[in-house]
Amino acid sequence: MKMVLEEIEGELARFVPDEGPLVLVKKNCLPENYHLGELYEVSIEGERVIAIKPLKKETEERLAKMKQKRAKLLNKKR
């Protein structure tokens, strides 16, 4: 399931999926060099997270789309 790493509070990391409820994961389960706002493929079995894989290319693509939308909105105001 694709999720964005939204926040780290204490020893818990909060992931926000494209759909569905938030997922909390122990910070020590995160991959090395994690980044807030980055998209991850989070594999869950039952109630247990079994893998967290960064999706760097898709993160970049989503950011580029958001920048384009923002630029269009700013141009409409002028």
C-alpha atoms as a PDB file:
ATOM      1  CA  MET A   1       0.000   0.000   0.000  1.00  0.00           C
ATOM      2  CA  LYS A   2       1.387   3.419  -0.938  1.00  0.00           C
ATOM      3  CA  MET A   3       1.768   5.809   1.975  1.00  0.00           C
ATOM      4  CA  VAL A   4       3.411   9.145   2.707  1.00  0.00           C
ATOM      5  CA  LEU A   5       5.615   9.456   5.778  1.00  0.00           C
ATOM      6  CA  GLU A   6       3.919  12.427   7.418  1.00  0.00           C
ATOM      7  CA  GLU A   7       5.441  12.816  10.856  1.00  0.00           C
ATOM      8  CA  ILE A   8       7.669  11.288  13.495  1.00  0.00           C
ATOM      9  CA  GLU A   9       6.604  11.838  17.058  1.00  0.00           C
ATOM     10  CA  GLY A  10       8.802  10.273  19.710  1.00  0.00           C
ATOM     11  CA  GLU A  11       9.383   6.670  18.713  1.00  0.00           C
ATOM     12  CA  LEU A  12       6.428   6.467  16.299  1.00  0.00           C
ATOM     13  CA  ALA A  13       6.265   7.303  12.610  1.00  0.00           C
ATOM     14  CA  ARG A  14       2.903   8.215  11.096  1.00  0.00           C
ATOM     15  CA  PHE A  15       2.101   7.135   7.546  1.00  0.00           C
ATOM     16  CA  VAL A  16      -0.868   8.481   5.603  1.00  0.00           C
ATOM     17  CA  PRO A  17      -2.153   6.125   2.896  1.00  0.00           C
ATOM     18  CA  ASP A  18      -3.791   7.257  -0.336  1.00  0.00           C
ATOM     19  CA  GLU A  19      -6.958   5.675   1.087  1.00  0.00           C
ATOM     20  CA  GLY A  20      -7.819   4.352   4.509  1.00  0.00           C
ATOM     21  CA  PRO A  21      -6.746   5.030   8.085  1.00  0.00           C
ATOM     22  CA  LEU A  22      -3.382   6.303   9.315  1.00  0.00           C
ATOM     23  CA  VAL A  23      -0.714   3.736  10.109  1.00  0.00           C
ATOM     24  CA  LEU A  24       1.691   4.079  13.030  1.00  0.00           C
ATOM     25  CA  VAL A  25       5.049   2.317  12.843  1.00  0.00           C
ATOM     26  CA  LYS A  26       7.944   2.160  15.286  1.00  0.00           C
ATOM     27  CA  LYS A  27      10.640   4.592  14.184  1.00  0.00           C
ATOM     28  CA  ASN A  28      13.313   1.867  14.268  1.00  0.00           C
ATOM     29  CA  CYS A  29      11.424   0.013  11.500  1.00  0.00           C
ATOM     30  CA  LEU A  30      11.973   2.855   9.009  1.00  0.00           C
ATOM     31  CA  PRO A  31      14.555   2.389   6.254  1.00  0.00           C
ATOM     32  CA  GLU A  32      17.843   4.276   6.487  1.00  0.00           C
ATOM     33  CA  ASN A  33      17.796   7.804   5.088  1.00  0.00           C
ATOM     34  CA  TYR A  34      14.022   8.164   5.376  1.00  0.00           C
ATOM     35  CA  HIS A  35      12.489  11.569   4.602  1.00  0.00           C
ATOM     36  CA  LEU A  36       9.266  13.172   5.766  1.00  0.00           C
ATOM     37  CA  GLY A  37       6.900  13.752   2.864  1.00  0.00           C
ATOM     38  CA  GLU A  38       8.358  10.862   0.866  1.00  0.00           C
ATOM     39  CA  LEU A  39       6.171   8.133  -0.612  1.00  0.00           C
ATOM     40  CA  TYR A  40       6.715   4.532   0.526  1.00  0.00           C
ATOM     41  CA  GLU A  41       5.361   1.109  -0.315  1.00  0.00           C
ATOM     42  CA  VAL A  42       4.323  -0.270   3.071  1.00  0.00           C
ATOM     43  CA  SER A  43       3.584  -4.003   3.188  1.00  0.00           C
ATOM     44  CA  ILE A  44       1.296  -5.090   6.001  1.00  0.00           C
ATOM     45  CA  GLU A  45       0.370  -8.615   7.007  1.00  0.00           C
ATOM     46  CA  GLY A  46      -2.485  -8.713   9.469  1.00  0.00           C
ATOM     47  CA  GLU A  47      -1.624  -5.881  11.837  1.00  0.00           C
ATOM     48  CA  ARG A  48       2.129  -6.129  11.362  1.00  0.00           C
ATOM     49  CA  VAL A  49       4.283  -4.060   9.004  1.00  0.00           C
ATOM     50  CA  ILE A  50       6.640  -6.424   7.203  1.00  0.00           C
ATOM     51  CA  ALA A  51       8.395  -4.074   4.734  1.00  0.00           C
ATOM     52  CA  ILE A  52       8.816  -0.369   4.003  1.00  0.00           C
ATOM     53  CA  LYS A  53      10.316   0.539   0.634  1.00  0.00           C
ATOM     54  CA  PRO A  54      10.932   4.122  -0.556  1.00  0.00           C
ATOM     55  CA  LEU A  55       9.351   5.103  -3.888  1.00  0.00           C
ATOM     56  CA  LYS A  56      11.716   7.930  -4.819  1.00  0.00           C
ATOM     57  CA  LYS A  57      10.749   8.227  -8.497  1.00  0.00           C
ATOM     58  CA  GLU A  58       7.028   8.322  -7.731  1.00  0.00           C
ATOM     59  CA  THR A  59       7.644  10.838  -4.923  1.00  0.00           C
ATOM     60  CA  GLU A  60       9.400  13.114  -7.438  1.00  0.00           C
ATOM     61  CA  GLU A  61       6.563  12.679  -9.954  1.00  0.00           C
ATOM     62  CA  ARG A  62       3.919  13.566  -7.362  1.00  0.00           C
ATOM     63  CA  LEU A  63       5.876  16.630  -6.252  1.00  0.00           C
ATOM     64  CA  ALA A  64       6.219  17.795  -9.861  1.00  0.00           C
ATOM     65  CA  LYS A  65       2.443  17.456 -10.396  1.00  0.00           C
ATOM     66  CA  MET A  66       1.740  19.428  -7.221  1.00  0.00           C
ATOM     67  CA  LYS A  67       4.123  22.186  -8.335  1.00  0.00           C
ATOM     68  CA  GLN A  68       2.364  22.388 -11.714  1.00  0.00           C
ATOM     69  CA  LYS A  69      -1.051  22.633 -10.054  1.00  0.00           C
ATOM     70  CA  ARG A  70       0.212  25.315  -7.690  1.00  0.00           C
ATOM     71  CA  ALA A  71       1.685  27.320 -10.562  1.00  0.00           C
ATOM     72  CA  LYS A  72      -1.630  27.134 -12.463  1.00  0.00           C
ATOM     73  CA  LEU A  73      -3.554  28.299  -9.399  1.00  0.00           C
ATOM     74  CA  LEU A  74      -1.176  31.206  -8.852  1.00  0.00           C
ATOM     75  CA  ASN A  75      -1.479  32.233 -12.521  1.00  0.00           C
ATOM     76  CA  LYS A  76      -5.289  32.230 -12.331  1.00  0.00           C
ATOM     77  CA  LYS A  77      -5.186  34.875  -9.596  1.00  0.00           C
ATOM     78  CA  ARG A  78      -3.327  37.336 -11.839  1.00  0.00           C
END
